[in-house]
Amino acid sequence: MFILLFKNWSSLKPGGKHQNIPIFLITNKKTFNDLRVQNIQFPNEISWSDDMIETLAKVKTKYVLYL
């Protein structure tokens, strides 16, 4: 998914207009090794909603696009 995101949204590339937009991967155990992606892991997940509340507390942006 991230490969297609960076390929098709060229302004996210280094030097692009939106290069500083934070991108997060919320997961239980997997990671995506790219400096543009911040991994947030919940290896001992309680529930999807608890994880989402905790994630939103960590994300300090005006808007969130959740996919």
N, C-alpha and C. Protein backbone atom coordinates (compact mmCIF):
# COMPACT_ATOMS: atom_id res chain seq x y z
N MET A 1 0.82 -1.19 0.00
CA MET A 1 0.00 0.00 0.00
C MET A 1 0.86 1.26 0.00
N PHE A 2 1.91 1.29 0.83
CA PHE A 2 2.76 2.48 0.90
C PHE A 2 3.53 2.70 -0.39
N ILE A 3 3.92 1.61 -1.04
CA ILE A 3 4.64 1.75 -2.30
C ILE A 3 3.77 2.48 -3.31
N LEU A 4 2.51 2.10 -3.41
CA LEU A 4 1.60 2.77 -4.33
C LEU A 4 1.30 4.20 -3.89
N LEU A 5 1.20 4.42 -2.58
CA LEU A 5 0.96 5.76 -2.07
C LEU A 5 2.08 6.70 -2.50
N PHE A 6 3.31 6.30 -2.27
CA PHE A 6 4.44 7.16 -2.61
C PHE A 6 4.64 7.27 -4.12
N LYS A 7 4.30 6.23 -4.84
CA LYS A 7 4.44 6.27 -6.30
C LYS A 7 3.42 7.23 -6.92
N ASN A 8 2.19 7.20 -6.43
CA ASN A 8 1.11 7.97 -7.05
C ASN A 8 0.87 9.34 -6.42
N TRP A 9 1.43 9.60 -5.25
CA TRP A 9 1.30 10.90 -4.62
C TRP A 9 2.72 11.48 -4.51
N SER A 10 3.19 11.97 -5.64
CA SER A 10 4.58 12.38 -5.76
C SER A 10 4.95 13.54 -4.84
N SER A 11 4.00 14.31 -4.37
CA SER A 11 4.32 15.42 -3.47
C SER A 11 4.75 14.94 -2.08
N LEU A 12 4.59 13.63 -1.79
CA LEU A 12 5.07 13.07 -0.52
C LEU A 12 6.55 12.73 -0.57
N LYS A 13 7.12 12.72 -1.77
CA LYS A 13 8.54 12.37 -1.91
C LYS A 13 9.41 13.49 -1.35
N PRO A 14 10.66 13.16 -0.97
CA PRO A 14 11.58 14.20 -0.49
C PRO A 14 11.67 15.35 -1.48
N GLY A 15 11.53 16.55 -0.97
CA GLY A 15 11.53 17.74 -1.82
C GLY A 15 10.15 18.11 -2.34
N GLY A 16 9.16 17.23 -2.10
CA GLY A 16 7.80 17.49 -2.56
C GLY A 16 7.06 18.44 -1.63
N LYS A 17 5.97 18.98 -2.14
CA LYS A 17 5.17 19.96 -1.41
C LYS A 17 4.65 19.42 -0.07
N HIS A 18 4.35 18.13 0.00
CA HIS A 18 3.77 17.53 1.21
C HIS A 18 4.73 16.54 1.87
N GLN A 19 6.02 16.75 1.72
CA GLN A 19 7.00 15.80 2.26
C GLN A 19 6.97 15.68 3.77
N ASN A 20 6.43 16.67 4.46
CA ASN A 20 6.44 16.66 5.93
C ASN A 20 5.14 16.16 6.56
N ILE A 21 4.22 15.65 5.74
CA ILE A 21 2.98 15.09 6.29
C ILE A 21 3.31 13.78 6.98
N PRO A 22 2.97 13.62 8.26
CA PRO A 22 3.28 12.36 8.95
C PRO A 22 2.38 11.23 8.47
N ILE A 23 2.98 10.07 8.30
CA ILE A 23 2.27 8.88 7.85
C ILE A 23 2.52 7.79 8.89
N PHE A 24 1.45 7.17 9.36
CA PHE A 24 1.56 6.17 10.43
C PHE A 24 1.03 4.83 9.95
N LEU A 25 1.64 3.77 10.43
CA LEU A 25 1.13 2.42 10.25
C LEU A 25 0.76 1.91 11.64
N ILE A 26 -0.51 1.60 11.83
CA ILE A 26 -1.00 1.08 13.11
C ILE A 26 -1.16 -0.43 12.94
N THR A 27 -0.45 -1.18 13.76
CA THR A 27 -0.43 -2.63 13.58
C THR A 27 -0.17 -3.34 14.90
N ASN A 28 -0.39 -4.64 14.90
CA ASN A 28 -0.08 -5.43 16.10
C ASN A 28 1.41 -5.74 16.17
N LYS A 29 1.96 -6.30 15.10
CA LYS A 29 3.36 -6.73 15.15
C LYS A 29 4.17 -6.34 13.92
N LYS A 30 3.55 -6.17 12.79
CA LYS A 30 4.29 -5.90 11.56
C LYS A 30 4.81 -4.46 11.54
N THR A 31 5.84 -4.26 10.73
CA THR A 31 6.39 -2.93 10.53
C THR A 31 6.61 -2.70 9.05
N PHE A 32 6.75 -1.45 8.68
CA PHE A 32 7.12 -1.06 7.32
C PHE A 32 8.36 -0.21 7.45
N ASN A 33 9.46 -0.70 6.92
CA ASN A 33 10.74 -0.03 7.08
C ASN A 33 10.95 1.05 6.02
N ASP A 34 10.53 2.25 6.35
CA ASP A 34 10.70 3.42 5.50
C ASP A 34 10.71 4.62 6.44
N LEU A 35 11.65 5.50 6.24
CA LEU A 35 11.76 6.66 7.13
C LEU A 35 10.54 7.56 7.09
N ARG A 36 9.74 7.48 6.03
CA ARG A 36 8.54 8.32 5.92
C ARG A 36 7.36 7.76 6.69
N VAL A 37 7.47 6.52 7.16
CA VAL A 37 6.35 5.85 7.84
C VAL A 37 6.72 5.61 9.29
N GLN A 38 5.86 6.09 10.19
CA GLN A 38 6.05 5.86 11.62
C GLN A 38 5.17 4.68 12.04
N ASN A 39 5.78 3.67 12.61
CA ASN A 39 5.06 2.47 13.04
C ASN A 39 4.55 2.65 14.46
N ILE A 40 3.27 2.40 14.66
CA ILE A 40 2.67 2.38 16.00
C ILE A 40 2.16 0.96 16.20
N GLN A 41 2.74 0.28 17.18
CA GLN A 41 2.41 -1.13 17.38
C GLN A 41 1.65 -1.36 18.68
N PHE A 42 0.72 -2.31 18.61
CA PHE A 42 -0.05 -2.75 19.76
C PHE A 42 0.02 -4.27 19.82
N PRO A 43 1.15 -4.82 20.30
CA PRO A 43 1.31 -6.28 20.31
C PRO A 43 0.35 -6.99 21.25
N ASN A 44 -0.14 -6.31 22.26
CA ASN A 44 -1.08 -6.90 23.21
C ASN A 44 -2.42 -6.18 23.11
N GLU A 45 -2.99 -6.23 21.95
CA GLU A 45 -4.21 -5.49 21.66
C GLU A 45 -5.34 -5.84 22.61
N ILE A 46 -5.97 -4.81 23.13
CA ILE A 46 -7.16 -4.99 23.97
C ILE A 46 -8.39 -5.00 23.07
N SER A 47 -8.54 -3.93 22.30
CA SER A 47 -9.63 -3.85 21.33
C SER A 47 -9.25 -2.82 20.27
N TRP A 48 -9.91 -2.90 19.12
CA TRP A 48 -9.65 -1.95 18.05
C TRP A 48 -9.90 -0.53 18.53
N SER A 49 -10.97 -0.31 19.24
CA SER A 49 -11.32 1.05 19.68
C SER A 49 -10.33 1.59 20.70
N ASP A 50 -9.84 0.76 21.61
CA ASP A 50 -8.82 1.21 22.56
C ASP A 50 -7.54 1.61 21.83
N ASP A 51 -7.16 0.81 20.84
CA ASP A 51 -5.97 1.12 20.05
C ASP A 51 -6.15 2.44 19.29
N MET A 52 -7.33 2.66 18.76
CA MET A 52 -7.59 3.88 18.00
C MET A 52 -7.54 5.11 18.92
N ILE A 53 -8.10 5.01 20.09
CA ILE A 53 -8.07 6.13 21.04
C ILE A 53 -6.63 6.46 21.42
N GLU A 54 -5.84 5.43 21.69
CA GLU A 54 -4.44 5.66 22.05
C GLU A 54 -3.64 6.23 20.88
N THR A 55 -3.93 5.75 19.68
CA THR A 55 -3.25 6.26 18.49
C THR A 55 -3.58 7.72 18.26
N LEU A 56 -4.84 8.08 18.34
CA LEU A 56 -5.24 9.47 18.11
C LEU A 56 -4.64 10.40 19.16
N ALA A 57 -4.38 9.89 20.35
CA ALA A 57 -3.72 10.70 21.38
C ALA A 57 -2.26 10.98 21.00
N LYS A 58 -1.66 10.09 20.22
CA LYS A 58 -0.26 10.24 19.80
C LYS A 58 -0.12 11.10 18.55
N VAL A 59 -1.14 11.13 17.72
CA VAL A 59 -1.08 11.86 16.45
C VAL A 59 -1.47 13.31 16.70
N LYS A 60 -0.55 14.20 16.47
CA LYS A 60 -0.77 15.62 16.76
C LYS A 60 -0.92 16.42 15.48
N THR A 61 -1.92 16.10 14.69
CA THR A 61 -2.19 16.83 13.45
C THR A 61 -3.61 17.36 13.48
N LYS A 62 -3.86 18.34 12.65
CA LYS A 62 -5.19 18.95 12.60
C LYS A 62 -6.21 17.99 11.98
N TYR A 63 -5.77 17.23 10.97
CA TYR A 63 -6.66 16.31 10.27
C TYR A 63 -6.08 14.91 10.28
N VAL A 64 -6.96 13.90 10.18
CA VAL A 64 -6.55 12.51 10.09
C VAL A 64 -7.32 11.87 8.97
N LEU A 65 -6.59 11.17 8.09
CA LEU A 65 -7.21 10.35 7.06
C LEU A 65 -6.93 8.91 7.43
N TYR A 66 -7.96 8.17 7.74
CA TYR A 66 -7.80 6.79 8.21
C TYR A 66 -8.22 5.84 7.10
N LEU A 67 -7.30 4.98 6.67
CA LEU A 67 -7.61 3.99 5.63
C LEU A 67 -7.40 2.60 6.16
